[in-house]
Amino acid sequence: MRTNELKKGARVMLANGWEADIMDNMKGNTRMAKVYGYECEIGSVYSHDIVAYKGADGAWRNDIEYTPAQLQCKETVKAFGF
């Protein structure tokens, strides 16, 4: 599944191991998400940081695909050392 296909309310796993709920139906390099980390907060996350999503059966799926623009964004962010 492409990150652009994730709908509002989808539970996702981020690259750092935190879970998040998608809060928008937008497409692109960033998505608005409610992140459950040290504290619960809402903000933008990079689409390339989404590594898995919870399927309808409640199991984690890691068949995430990224667009070429998202992969380019990942390389750009990596070049800055983040």
C-alpha atoms as a PDB file:
ATOM      1  CA  MET A   1       0.000   0.000   0.000  1.00  0.00           C
ATOM      2  CA  ARG A   2       1.257   3.469  -0.832  1.00  0.00           C
ATOM      3  CA  THR A   3       1.392   6.011   1.965  1.00  0.00           C
ATOM      4  CA  ASN A   4      -0.910   8.218  -0.127  1.00  0.00           C
ATOM      5  CA  GLU A   5      -3.616   5.531   0.162  1.00  0.00           C
ATOM      6  CA  LEU A   6      -3.710   5.634   3.967  1.00  0.00           C
ATOM      7  CA  LYS A   7      -6.974   7.205   5.075  1.00  0.00           C
ATOM      8  CA  LYS A   8      -7.848   9.335   8.092  1.00  0.00           C
ATOM      9  CA  GLY A   9      -7.965   7.174  11.216  1.00  0.00           C
ATOM     10  CA  ALA A  10      -5.468   4.548   9.986  1.00  0.00           C
ATOM     11  CA  ARG A  11      -3.050   3.341  12.689  1.00  0.00           C
ATOM     12  CA  VAL A  12       0.551   3.366  11.482  1.00  0.00           C
ATOM     13  CA  MET A  13       3.985   2.511  12.871  1.00  0.00           C
ATOM     14  CA  LEU A  14       6.745   5.083  12.465  1.00  0.00           C
ATOM     15  CA  ALA A  15      10.418   4.333  11.831  1.00  0.00           C
ATOM     16  CA  ASN A  16      11.310   5.129  15.456  1.00  0.00           C
ATOM     17  CA  GLY A  17       8.812   2.518  16.745  1.00  0.00           C
ATOM     18  CA  TRP A  18       6.084   4.932  17.834  1.00  0.00           C
ATOM     19  CA  GLU A  19       2.491   4.456  16.744  1.00  0.00           C
ATOM     20  CA  ALA A  20       0.380   7.187  15.169  1.00  0.00           C
ATOM     21  CA  ASP A  21      -3.126   7.770  13.825  1.00  0.00           C
ATOM     22  CA  ILE A  22      -3.381   9.478  10.437  1.00  0.00           C
ATOM     23  CA  MET A  23      -5.396  12.701  10.834  1.00  0.00           C
ATOM     24  CA  ASP A  24      -5.876  13.726   7.172  1.00  0.00           C
ATOM     25  CA  ASN A  25      -6.617  12.340   3.714  1.00  0.00           C
ATOM     26  CA  MET A  26      -3.875  14.331   2.003  1.00  0.00           C
ATOM     27  CA  LYS A  27      -1.126  13.043  -0.267  1.00  0.00           C
ATOM     28  CA  GLY A  28       2.513  14.021  -0.446  1.00  0.00           C
ATOM     29  CA  ASN A  29       5.745  14.072   1.528  1.00  0.00           C
ATOM     30  CA  THR A  30       4.137  14.835   4.886  1.00  0.00           C
ATOM     31  CA  ARG A  31       0.997  13.631   6.656  1.00  0.00           C
ATOM     32  CA  MET A  32      -0.764  15.025   9.708  1.00  0.00           C
ATOM     33  CA  ALA A  33      -0.756  12.449  12.498  1.00  0.00           C
ATOM     34  CA  LYS A  34      -1.543  12.029  16.171  1.00  0.00           C
ATOM     35  CA  VAL A  35       1.681  10.487  17.476  1.00  0.00           C
ATOM     36  CA  TYR A  36       1.816   8.359  20.610  1.00  0.00           C
ATOM     37  CA  GLY A  37       5.403   8.866  21.771  1.00  0.00           C
ATOM     38  CA  TYR A  38       6.814  10.327  24.960  1.00  0.00           C
ATOM     39  CA  GLU A  39       3.639  12.377  24.923  1.00  0.00           C
ATOM     40  CA  CYS A  40       0.600  12.330  22.676  1.00  0.00           C
ATOM     41  CA  GLU A  41       0.719  15.176  20.164  1.00  0.00           C
ATOM     42  CA  ILE A  42      -0.534  16.059  16.709  1.00  0.00           C
ATOM     43  CA  GLY A  43       1.822  17.223  13.986  1.00  0.00           C
ATOM     44  CA  SER A  44       3.328  16.507  10.599  1.00  0.00           C
ATOM     45  CA  VAL A  45       5.322  13.347   9.955  1.00  0.00           C
ATOM     46  CA  TYR A  46       7.312  12.507   6.859  1.00  0.00           C
ATOM     47  CA  SER A  47       5.577   9.910   4.702  1.00  0.00           C
ATOM     48  CA  HIS A  48       8.859   8.009   4.376  1.00  0.00           C
ATOM     49  CA  ASP A  49       8.881   7.521   8.184  1.00  0.00           C
ATOM     50  CA  ILE A  50       5.712   5.396   7.967  1.00  0.00           C
ATOM     51  CA  VAL A  51       6.931   1.791   7.915  1.00  0.00           C
ATOM     52  CA  ALA A  52       3.774  -0.239   8.667  1.00  0.00           C
ATOM     53  CA  TYR A  53       0.023   0.068   9.058  1.00  0.00           C
ATOM     54  CA  LYS A  54      -2.649  -1.908  10.889  1.00  0.00           C
ATOM     55  CA  GLY A  55      -4.886  -3.883   8.530  1.00  0.00           C
ATOM     56  CA  ALA A  56      -8.624  -4.492   8.905  1.00  0.00           C
ATOM     57  CA  ASP A  57      -7.864  -7.742  10.756  1.00  0.00           C
ATOM     58  CA  GLY A  58      -5.765  -5.862  13.336  1.00  0.00           C
ATOM     59  CA  ALA A  59      -2.449  -7.293  12.132  1.00  0.00           C
ATOM     60  CA  TRP A  60       0.492  -5.053  11.250  1.00  0.00           C
ATOM     61  CA  ARG A  61       1.301  -4.902   7.529  1.00  0.00           C
ATOM     62  CA  ASN A  62       4.681  -3.712   6.322  1.00  0.00           C
ATOM     63  CA  ASP A  63       4.054  -3.648   2.560  1.00  0.00           C
ATOM     64  CA  ILE A  64       4.413   0.144   2.437  1.00  0.00           C
ATOM     65  CA  GLU A  65       5.415   1.669  -0.906  1.00  0.00           C
ATOM     66  CA  TYR A  66       6.735   5.189  -1.423  1.00  0.00           C
ATOM     67  CA  THR A  67       6.433   7.504  -4.407  1.00  0.00           C
ATOM     68  CA  PRO A  68       9.608   8.673  -6.171  1.00  0.00           C
ATOM     69  CA  ALA A  69       9.091  12.144  -4.658  1.00  0.00           C
ATOM     70  CA  GLN A  70       8.896  10.651  -1.146  1.00  0.00           C
ATOM     71  CA  LEU A  71      12.098   8.682  -1.727  1.00  0.00           C
ATOM     72  CA  GLN A  72      13.815  11.862  -2.966  1.00  0.00           C
ATOM     73  CA  CYS A  73      12.609  13.678   0.172  1.00  0.00           C
ATOM     74  CA  LYS A  74      14.062  10.856   2.287  1.00  0.00           C
ATOM     75  CA  GLU A  75      17.466  11.288   0.625  1.00  0.00           C
ATOM     76  CA  THR A  76      17.335  15.054   1.095  1.00  0.00           C
ATOM     77  CA  VAL A  77      16.507  14.720   4.803  1.00  0.00           C
ATOM     78  CA  LYS A  78      19.240  12.094   5.180  1.00  0.00           C
ATOM     79  CA  ALA A  79      21.769  14.494   3.628  1.00  0.00           C
ATOM     80  CA  PHE A  80      21.004  16.971   6.429  1.00  0.00           C
ATOM     81  CA  GLY A  81      21.832  14.299   8.985  1.00  0.00           C
ATOM     82  CA  PHE A  82      18.350  13.653  10.367  1.00  0.00           C
END
